Amino acid sequence: MDEKRIAILAIAVKDSDKAMQVNEILHAFGKYIISRNGLPYRERGINIITLITDAPQDIVSNLSGKIGKLSEVEIKTSYLKV
């Protein structure tokens, strides 16, 4: 098994109709998510979700890729050197 890494993911959901799809993906990767926070940013008309994961890099890449393929959803991932 690959070495686990801590990653921070920022997700911007620009179309609230995509929220269910995002949540389904996050649920599938739930065992790797150690923190999840979501909030509406009404001034910009988006919802922001931040995640902290502890998982092998290929798992985080898979999660990011699935979410990144959704239209009207943007994701950025950063890894910590811990």
PDB file of N, CA and C in Angstrom:
ATOM      1  N   MET A   1       0.841  -1.196   0.000  1.00  0.00           N
ATOM      2  CA  MET A   1       0.000   0.000   0.000  1.00  0.00           C
ATOM      3  C   MET A   1       0.875   1.244   0.000  1.00  0.00           C
ATOM      4  N   ASP A   2       0.466   2.249  -0.764  1.00  0.00           N
ATOM      5  CA  ASP A   2       1.212   3.500  -0.823  1.00  0.00           C
ATOM      6  C   ASP A   2       1.189   4.201   0.525  1.00  0.00           C
ATOM      7  N   GLU A   3       2.209   5.011   0.727  1.00  0.00           N
ATOM      8  CA  GLU A   3       2.286   5.796   1.949  1.00  0.00           C
ATOM      9  C   GLU A   3       1.165   6.833   1.967  1.00  0.00           C
ATOM     10  N   LYS A   4       0.527   6.970   3.121  1.00  0.00           N
ATOM     11  CA  LYS A   4      -0.540   7.961   3.236  1.00  0.00           C
ATOM     12  C   LYS A   4       0.040   9.363   3.355  1.00  0.00           C
ATOM     13  N   ARG A   5      -0.705  10.309   2.788  1.00  0.00           N
ATOM     14  CA  ARG A   5      -0.333  11.721   2.863  1.00  0.00           C
ATOM     15  C   ARG A   5      -1.542  12.539   3.277  1.00  0.00           C
ATOM     16  N   ILE A   6      -1.278  13.625   3.951  1.00  0.00           N
ATOM     17  CA  ILE A   6      -2.359  14.532   4.323  1.00  0.00           C
ATOM     18  C   ILE A   6      -2.531  15.532   3.186  1.00  0.00           C
ATOM     19  N   ALA A   7      -3.767  15.669   2.733  1.00  0.00           N
ATOM     20  CA  ALA A   7      -4.079  16.602   1.650  1.00  0.00           C
ATOM     21  C   ALA A   7      -5.219  17.509   2.079  1.00  0.00           C
ATOM     22  N   ILE A   8      -5.173  18.721   1.579  1.00  0.00           N
ATOM     23  CA  ILE A   8      -6.238  19.693   1.796  1.00  0.00           C
ATOM     24  C   ILE A   8      -6.861  19.972   0.439  1.00  0.00           C
ATOM     25  N   LEU A   9      -8.185  19.793   0.364  1.00  0.00           N
ATOM     26  CA  LEU A   9      -8.907  19.989  -0.892  1.00  0.00           C
ATOM     27  C   LEU A   9      -9.919  21.111  -0.717  1.00  0.00           C
ATOM     28  N   ALA A  10      -9.948  22.017  -1.668  1.00  0.00           N
ATOM     29  CA  ALA A  10     -10.932  23.100  -1.688  1.00  0.00           C
ATOM     30  C   ALA A  10     -11.821  22.888  -2.904  1.00  0.00           C
ATOM     31  N   ILE A  11     -13.117  22.826  -2.652  1.00  0.00           N
ATOM     32  CA  ILE A  11     -14.083  22.560  -3.720  1.00  0.00           C
ATOM     33  C   ILE A  11     -15.061  23.730  -3.795  1.00  0.00           C
ATOM     34  N   ALA A  12     -15.248  24.256  -4.998  1.00  0.00           N
ATOM     35  CA  ALA A  12     -16.235  25.317  -5.227  1.00  0.00           C
ATOM     36  C   ALA A  12     -17.327  24.740  -6.120  1.00  0.00           C
ATOM     37  N   VAL A  13     -18.541  24.689  -5.589  1.00  0.00           N
ATOM     38  CA  VAL A  13     -19.686  24.178  -6.342  1.00  0.00           C
ATOM     39  C   VAL A  13     -20.458  25.404  -6.843  1.00  0.00           C
ATOM     40  N   LYS A  14     -20.377  25.640  -8.154  1.00  0.00           N
ATOM     41  CA  LYS A  14     -20.977  26.825  -8.746  1.00  0.00           C
ATOM     42  C   LYS A  14     -22.446  26.632  -9.084  1.00  0.00           C
ATOM     43  N   ASP A  15     -22.880  25.382  -9.181  1.00  0.00           N
ATOM     44  CA  ASP A  15     -24.270  25.052  -9.496  1.00  0.00           C
ATOM     45  C   ASP A  15     -24.776  24.130  -8.394  1.00  0.00           C
ATOM     46  N   SER A  16     -25.700  24.612  -7.587  1.00  0.00           N
ATOM     47  CA  SER A  16     -26.173  23.826  -6.435  1.00  0.00           C
ATOM     48  C   SER A  16     -26.806  22.500  -6.849  1.00  0.00           C
ATOM     49  N   ASP A  17     -27.213  22.370  -8.113  1.00  0.00           N
ATOM     50  CA  ASP A  17     -27.742  21.091  -8.586  1.00  0.00           C
ATOM     51  C   ASP A  17     -26.665  20.004  -8.615  1.00  0.00           C
ATOM     52  N   LYS A  18     -25.401  20.391  -8.576  1.00  0.00           N
ATOM     53  CA  LYS A  18     -24.289  19.429  -8.576  1.00  0.00           C
ATOM     54  C   LYS A  18     -23.941  18.944  -7.169  1.00  0.00           C
ATOM     55  N   ALA A  19     -24.545  19.539  -6.159  1.00  0.00           N
ATOM     56  CA  ALA A  19     -24.212  19.199  -4.769  1.00  0.00           C
ATOM     57  C   ALA A  19     -24.435  17.723  -4.461  1.00  0.00           C
ATOM     58  N   MET A  20     -25.503  17.137  -4.971  1.00  0.00           N
ATOM     59  CA  MET A  20     -25.780  15.731  -4.699  1.00  0.00           C
ATOM     60  C   MET A  20     -24.686  14.844  -5.288  1.00  0.00           C
ATOM     61  N   GLN A  21     -24.244  15.163  -6.507  1.00  0.00           N
ATOM     62  CA  GLN A  21     -23.179  14.378  -7.134  1.00  0.00           C
ATOM     63  C   GLN A  21     -21.871  14.496  -6.346  1.00  0.00           C
ATOM     64  N   VAL A  22     -21.550  15.700  -5.904  1.00  0.00           N
ATOM     65  CA  VAL A  22     -20.349  15.903  -5.097  1.00  0.00           C
ATOM     66  C   VAL A  22     -20.458  15.096  -3.807  1.00  0.00           C
ATOM     67  N   ASN A  23     -21.593  15.165  -3.143  1.00  0.00           N
ATOM     68  CA  ASN A  23     -21.775  14.433  -1.891  1.00  0.00           C
ATOM     69  C   ASN A  23     -21.689  12.924  -2.081  1.00  0.00           C
ATOM     70  N   GLU A  24     -22.185  12.409  -3.194  1.00  0.00           N
ATOM     71  CA  GLU A  24     -22.076  10.966  -3.465  1.00  0.00           C
ATOM     72  C   GLU A  24     -20.612  10.552  -3.599  1.00  0.00           C
ATOM     73  N   ILE A  25     -19.834  11.371  -4.294  1.00  0.00           N
ATOM     74  CA  ILE A  25     -18.407  11.065  -4.447  1.00  0.00           C
ATOM     75  C   ILE A  25     -17.705  11.125  -3.098  1.00  0.00           C
ATOM     76  N   LEU A  26     -17.992  12.176  -2.325  1.00  0.00           N
ATOM     77  CA  LEU A  26     -17.354  12.308  -1.014  1.00  0.00           C
ATOM     78  C   LEU A  26     -17.727  11.146  -0.101  1.00  0.00           C
ATOM     79  N   HIS A  27     -18.957  10.702  -0.175  1.00  0.00           N
ATOM     80  CA  HIS A  27     -19.396   9.563   0.636  1.00  0.00           C
ATOM     81  C   HIS A  27     -18.591   8.304   0.285  1.00  0.00           C
ATOM     82  N   ALA A  28     -18.335   8.102  -1.005  1.00  0.00           N
ATOM     83  CA  ALA A  28     -17.581   6.923  -1.451  1.00  0.00           C
ATOM     84  C   ALA A  28     -16.148   6.939  -0.920  1.00  0.00           C
ATOM     85  N   PHE A  29     -15.601   8.121  -0.675  1.00  0.00           N
ATOM     86  CA  PHE A  29     -14.231   8.247  -0.169  1.00  0.00           C
ATOM     87  C   PHE A  29     -14.210   8.589   1.324  1.00  0.00           C
ATOM     88  N   GLY A  30     -15.335   8.426   1.978  1.00  0.00           N
ATOM     89  CA  GLY A  30     -15.502   8.854   3.363  1.00  0.00           C
ATOM     90  C   GLY A  30     -14.479   8.326   4.340  1.00  0.00           C
ATOM     91  N   LYS A  31     -13.995   7.116   4.147  1.00  0.00           N
ATOM     92  CA  LYS A  31     -13.050   6.552   5.126  1.00  0.00           C
ATOM     93  C   LYS A  31     -11.703   7.275   5.114  1.00  0.00           C
ATOM     94  N   TYR A  32     -11.444   8.072   4.089  1.00  0.00           N
ATOM     95  CA  TYR A  32     -10.189   8.818   4.003  1.00  0.00           C
ATOM     96  C   TYR A  32     -10.332  10.270   4.457  1.00  0.00           C
ATOM     97  N   ILE A  33     -11.560  10.738   4.643  1.00  0.00           N
ATOM     98  CA  ILE A  33     -11.811  12.140   4.997  1.00  0.00           C
ATOM     99  C   ILE A  33     -11.769  12.278   6.516  1.00  0.00           C
ATOM    100  N   ILE A  34     -10.849  13.137   7.002  1.00  0.00           N
ATOM    101  CA  ILE A  34     -10.751  13.341   8.448  1.00  0.00           C
ATOM    102  C   ILE A  34     -11.420  14.641   8.880  1.00  0.00           C
ATOM    103  N   SER A  35     -11.680  15.529   7.928  1.00  0.00           N
ATOM    104  CA  SER A  35     -12.396  16.766   8.242  1.00  0.00           C
ATOM    105  C   SER A  35     -13.133  17.232   6.992  1.00  0.00           C
ATOM    106  N   ARG A  36     -14.328  17.738   7.205  1.00  0.00           N
ATOM    107  CA  ARG A  36     -15.143  18.253   6.092  1.00  0.00           C
ATOM    108  C   ARG A  36     -15.922  19.464   6.600  1.00  0.00           C
ATOM    109  N   ASN A  37     -15.850  20.541   5.837  1.00  0.00           N
ATOM    110  CA  ASN A  37     -16.570  21.754   6.208  1.00  0.00           C
ATOM    111  C   ASN A  37     -17.185  22.342   4.941  1.00  0.00           C
ATOM    112  N   GLY A  38     -18.440  22.695   5.004  1.00  0.00           N
ATOM    113  CA  GLY A  38     -19.109  23.284   3.855  1.00  0.00           C
ATOM    114  C   GLY A  38     -19.858  24.530   4.245  1.00  0.00           C
ATOM    115  N   LEU A  39     -19.847  25.519   3.346  1.00  0.00           N
ATOM    116  CA  LEU A  39     -20.608  26.724   3.627  1.00  0.00           C
ATOM    117  C   LEU A  39     -21.022  27.407   2.334  1.00  0.00           C
ATOM    118  N   PRO A  40     -22.180  28.017   2.360  1.00  0.00           N
ATOM    119  CA  PRO A  40     -22.605  28.790   1.189  1.00  0.00           C
ATOM    120  C   PRO A  40     -21.918  30.160   1.203  1.00  0.00           C
ATOM    121  N   TYR A  41     -21.472  30.596   0.057  1.00  0.00           N
ATOM    122  CA  TYR A  41     -20.902  31.926  -0.098  1.00  0.00           C
ATOM    123  C   TYR A  41     -21.884  32.686  -0.985  1.00  0.00           C
ATOM    124  N   ARG A  42     -22.892  33.243  -0.354  1.00  0.00           N
ATOM    125  CA  ARG A  42     -24.024  33.830  -1.072  1.00  0.00           C
ATOM    126  C   ARG A  42     -23.641  34.997  -1.967  1.00  0.00           C
ATOM    127  N   GLU A  43     -22.664  35.817  -1.526  1.00  0.00           N
ATOM    128  CA  GLU A  43     -22.271  36.968  -2.341  1.00  0.00           C
ATOM    129  C   GLU A  43     -21.757  36.543  -3.715  1.00  0.00           C
ATOM    130  N   ARG A  44     -21.174  35.354  -3.790  1.00  0.00           N
ATOM    131  CA  ARG A  44     -20.622  34.852  -5.051  1.00  0.00           C
ATOM    132  C   ARG A  44     -21.507  33.789  -5.701  1.00  0.00           C
ATOM    133  N   GLY A  45     -22.522  33.352  -4.991  1.00  0.00           N
ATOM    134  CA  GLY A  45     -23.434  32.354  -5.524  1.00  0.00           C
ATOM    135  C   GLY A  45     -22.811  30.970  -5.659  1.00  0.00           C
ATOM    136  N   ILE A  46     -21.885  30.643  -4.755  1.00  0.00           N
ATOM    137  CA  ILE A  46     -21.249  29.332  -4.780  1.00  0.00           C
ATOM    138  C   ILE A  46     -21.301  28.690  -3.395  1.00  0.00           C
ATOM    139  N   ASN A  47     -21.061  27.405  -3.365  1.00  0.00           N
ATOM    140  CA  ASN A  47     -20.893  26.685  -2.108  1.00  0.00           C
ATOM    141  C   ASN A  47     -19.454  26.206  -2.053  1.00  0.00           C
ATOM    142  N   ILE A  48     -18.823  26.378  -0.903  1.00  0.00           N
ATOM    143  CA  ILE A  48     -17.425  25.989  -0.742  1.00  0.00           C
ATOM    144  C   ILE A  48     -17.341  24.841   0.249  1.00  0.00           C
ATOM    145  N   ILE A  49     -16.609  23.802  -0.132  1.00  0.00           N
ATOM    146  CA  ILE A  49     -16.367  22.654   0.735  1.00  0.00           C
ATOM    147  C   ILE A  49     -14.864  22.525   0.900  1.00  0.00           C
ATOM    148  N   THR A  50     -14.413  22.410   2.148  1.00  0.00           N
ATOM    149  CA  THR A  50     -13.005  22.124   2.392  1.00  0.00           C
ATOM    150  C   THR A  50     -12.905  20.746   3.036  1.00  0.00           C
ATOM    151  N   LEU A  51     -11.906  20.003   2.581  1.00  0.00           N
ATOM    152  CA  LEU A  51     -11.677  18.654   3.100  1.00  0.00           C
ATOM    153  C   LEU A  51     -10.235  18.522   3.544  1.00  0.00           C
ATOM    154  N   ILE A  52     -10.031  17.705   4.547  1.00  0.00           N
ATOM    155  CA  ILE A  52      -8.691  17.238   4.894  1.00  0.00           C
ATOM    156  C   ILE A  52      -8.764  15.729   4.822  1.00  0.00           C
ATOM    157  N   THR A  53      -7.847  15.153   4.061  1.00  0.00           N
ATOM    158  CA  THR A  53      -7.825  13.702   3.901  1.00  0.00           C
ATOM    159  C   THR A  53      -6.491  13.142   4.375  1.00  0.00           C
ATOM    160  N   ASP A  54      -6.499  11.875   4.732  1.00  0.00           N
ATOM    161  CA  ASP A  54      -5.296  11.130   5.064  1.00  0.00           C
ATOM    162  C   ASP A  54      -5.383   9.847   4.246  1.00  0.00           C
ATOM    163  N   ALA A  55      -4.697   9.830   3.106  1.00  0.00           N
ATOM    164  CA  ALA A  55      -4.868   8.741   2.145  1.00  0.00           C
ATOM    165  C   ALA A  55      -3.641   8.650   1.248  1.00  0.00           C
ATOM    166  N   PRO A  56      -3.465   7.508   0.587  1.00  0.00           N
ATOM    167  CA  PRO A  56      -2.419   7.429  -0.437  1.00  0.00           C
ATOM    168  C   PRO A  56      -2.695   8.454  -1.543  1.00  0.00           C
ATOM    169  N   GLN A  57      -1.630   8.938  -2.165  1.00  0.00           N
ATOM    170  CA  GLN A  57      -1.773   9.975  -3.179  1.00  0.00           C
ATOM    171  C   GLN A  57      -2.670   9.545  -4.331  1.00  0.00           C
ATOM    172  N   ASP A  58      -2.650   8.264  -4.711  1.00  0.00           N
ATOM    173  CA  ASP A  58      -3.498   7.832  -5.822  1.00  0.00           C
ATOM    174  C   ASP A  58      -4.978   7.908  -5.467  1.00  0.00           C
ATOM    175  N   ILE A  59      -5.311   7.709  -4.205  1.00  0.00           N
ATOM    176  CA  ILE A  59      -6.709   7.830  -3.762  1.00  0.00           C
ATOM    177  C   ILE A  59      -7.146   9.291  -3.841  1.00  0.00           C
ATOM    178  N   VAL A  60      -6.293  10.194  -3.353  1.00  0.00           N
ATOM    179  CA  VAL A  60      -6.624  11.625  -3.393  1.00  0.00           C
ATOM    180  C   VAL A  60      -6.747  12.092  -4.848  1.00  0.00           C
ATOM    181  N   SER A  61      -5.860  11.619  -5.700  1.00  0.00           N
ATOM    182  CA  SER A  61      -5.934  11.979  -7.120  1.00  0.00           C
ATOM    183  C   SER A  61      -7.229  11.468  -7.754  1.00  0.00           C
ATOM    184  N   ASN A  62      -7.623  10.257  -7.386  1.00  0.00           N
ATOM    185  CA  ASN A  62      -8.870   9.683  -7.895  1.00  0.00           C
ATOM    186  C   ASN A  62     -10.066  10.522  -7.440  1.00  0.00           C
ATOM    187  N   LEU A  63     -10.091  10.872  -6.167  1.00  0.00           N
ATOM    188  CA  LEU A  63     -11.160  11.720  -5.618  1.00  0.00           C
ATOM    189  C   LEU A  63     -11.198  13.061  -6.344  1.00  0.00           C
ATOM    190  N   SER A  64     -10.042  13.709  -6.460  1.00  0.00           N
ATOM    191  CA  SER A  64      -9.969  15.005  -7.143  1.00  0.00           C
ATOM    192  C   SER A  64     -10.420  14.902  -8.592  1.00  0.00           C
ATOM    193  N   GLY A  65      -9.995  13.846  -9.255  1.00  0.00           N
ATOM    194  CA  GLY A  65     -10.357  13.664 -10.656  1.00  0.00           C
ATOM    195  C   GLY A  65     -11.843  13.499 -10.867  1.00  0.00           C
ATOM    196  N   LYS A  66     -12.488  12.709 -10.003  1.00  0.00           N
ATOM    197  CA  LYS A  66     -13.934  12.487 -10.131  1.00  0.00           C
ATOM    198  C   LYS A  66     -14.702  13.787  -9.923  1.00  0.00           C
ATOM    199  N   ILE A  67     -14.297  14.547  -8.925  1.00  0.00           N
ATOM    200  CA  ILE A  67     -14.984  15.816  -8.663  1.00  0.00           C
ATOM    201  C   ILE A  67     -14.666  16.829  -9.761  1.00  0.00           C
ATOM    202  N   GLY A  68     -13.418  16.861 -10.200  1.00  0.00           N
ATOM    203  CA  GLY A  68     -13.001  17.808 -11.228  1.00  0.00           C
ATOM    204  C   GLY A  68     -13.682  17.604 -12.569  1.00  0.00           C
ATOM    205  N   LYS A  69     -14.192  16.399 -12.821  1.00  0.00           N
ATOM    206  CA  LYS A  69     -14.883  16.122 -14.086  1.00  0.00           C
ATOM    207  C   LYS A  69     -16.307  16.675 -14.114  1.00  0.00           C
ATOM    208  N   LEU A  70     -16.831  17.049 -12.954  1.00  0.00           N
ATOM    209  CA  LEU A  70     -18.190  17.589 -12.900  1.00  0.00           C
ATOM    210  C   LEU A  70     -18.192  19.024 -13.430  1.00  0.00           C
ATOM    211  N   SER A  71     -19.151  19.323 -14.291  1.00  0.00           N
ATOM    212  CA  SER A  71     -19.253  20.696 -14.778  1.00  0.00           C
ATOM    213  C   SER A  71     -19.738  21.589 -13.638  1.00  0.00           C
ATOM    214  N   GLU A  72     -19.307  22.823 -13.675  1.00  0.00           N
ATOM    215  CA  GLU A  72     -19.678  23.828 -12.669  1.00  0.00           C
ATOM    216  C   GLU A  72     -19.148  23.507 -11.268  1.00  0.00           C
ATOM    217  N   VAL A  73     -18.085  22.682 -11.216  1.00  0.00           N
ATOM    218  CA  VAL A  73     -17.420  22.369  -9.945  1.00  0.00           C
ATOM    219  C   VAL A  73     -15.924  22.519 -10.170  1.00  0.00           C
ATOM    220  N   GLU A  74     -15.263  23.206  -9.256  1.00  0.00           N
ATOM    221  CA  GLU A  74     -13.818  23.403  -9.350  1.00  0.00           C
ATOM    222  C   GLU A  74     -13.175  22.849  -8.090  1.00  0.00           C
ATOM    223  N   ILE A  75     -11.997  22.225  -8.221  1.00  0.00           N
ATOM    224  CA  ILE A  75     -11.307  21.653  -7.070  1.00  0.00           C
ATOM    225  C   ILE A  75      -9.825  21.941  -7.163  1.00  0.00           C
ATOM    226  N   LYS A  76      -9.232  22.233  -6.026  1.00  0.00           N
ATOM    227  CA  LYS A  76      -7.791  22.428  -5.901  1.00  0.00           C
ATOM    228  C   LYS A  76      -7.308  21.563  -4.742  1.00  0.00           C
ATOM    229  N   THR A  77      -6.145  20.945  -4.924  1.00  0.00           N
ATOM    230  CA  THR A  77      -5.598  20.040  -3.914  1.00  0.00           C
ATOM    231  C   THR A  77      -4.176  20.462  -3.567  1.00  0.00           C
ATOM    232  N   SER A  78      -3.878  20.446  -2.266  1.00  0.00           N
ATOM    233  CA  SER A  78      -2.523  20.709  -1.778  1.00  0.00           C
ATOM    234  C   SER A  78      -2.145  19.606  -0.808  1.00  0.00           C
ATOM    235  N   TYR A  79      -0.865  19.218  -0.837  1.00  0.00           N
ATOM    236  CA  TYR A  79      -0.374  18.180   0.066  1.00  0.00           C
ATOM    237  C   TYR A  79       0.535  18.810   1.112  1.00  0.00           C
ATOM    238  N   LEU A  80       0.446  18.282   2.338  1.00  0.00           N
ATOM    239  CA  LEU A  80       1.324  18.715   3.412  1.00  0.00           C
ATOM    240  C   LEU A  80       2.521  17.784   3.488  1.00  0.00           C
ATOM    241  N   LYS A  81       3.661  18.324   3.830  1.00  0.00           N
ATOM    242  CA  LYS A  81       4.868  17.514   4.014  1.00  0.00           C
ATOM    243  C   LYS A  81       4.974  17.167   5.500  1.00  0.00           C
ATOM    244  N   VAL A  82       4.190  16.197   5.933  1.00  0.00           N
ATOM    245  CA  VAL A  82       4.172  15.793   7.336  1.00  0.00           C
ATOM    246  C   VAL A  82       4.585  14.341   7.429  1.00  0.00           C
TER     247      VAL A  82
END
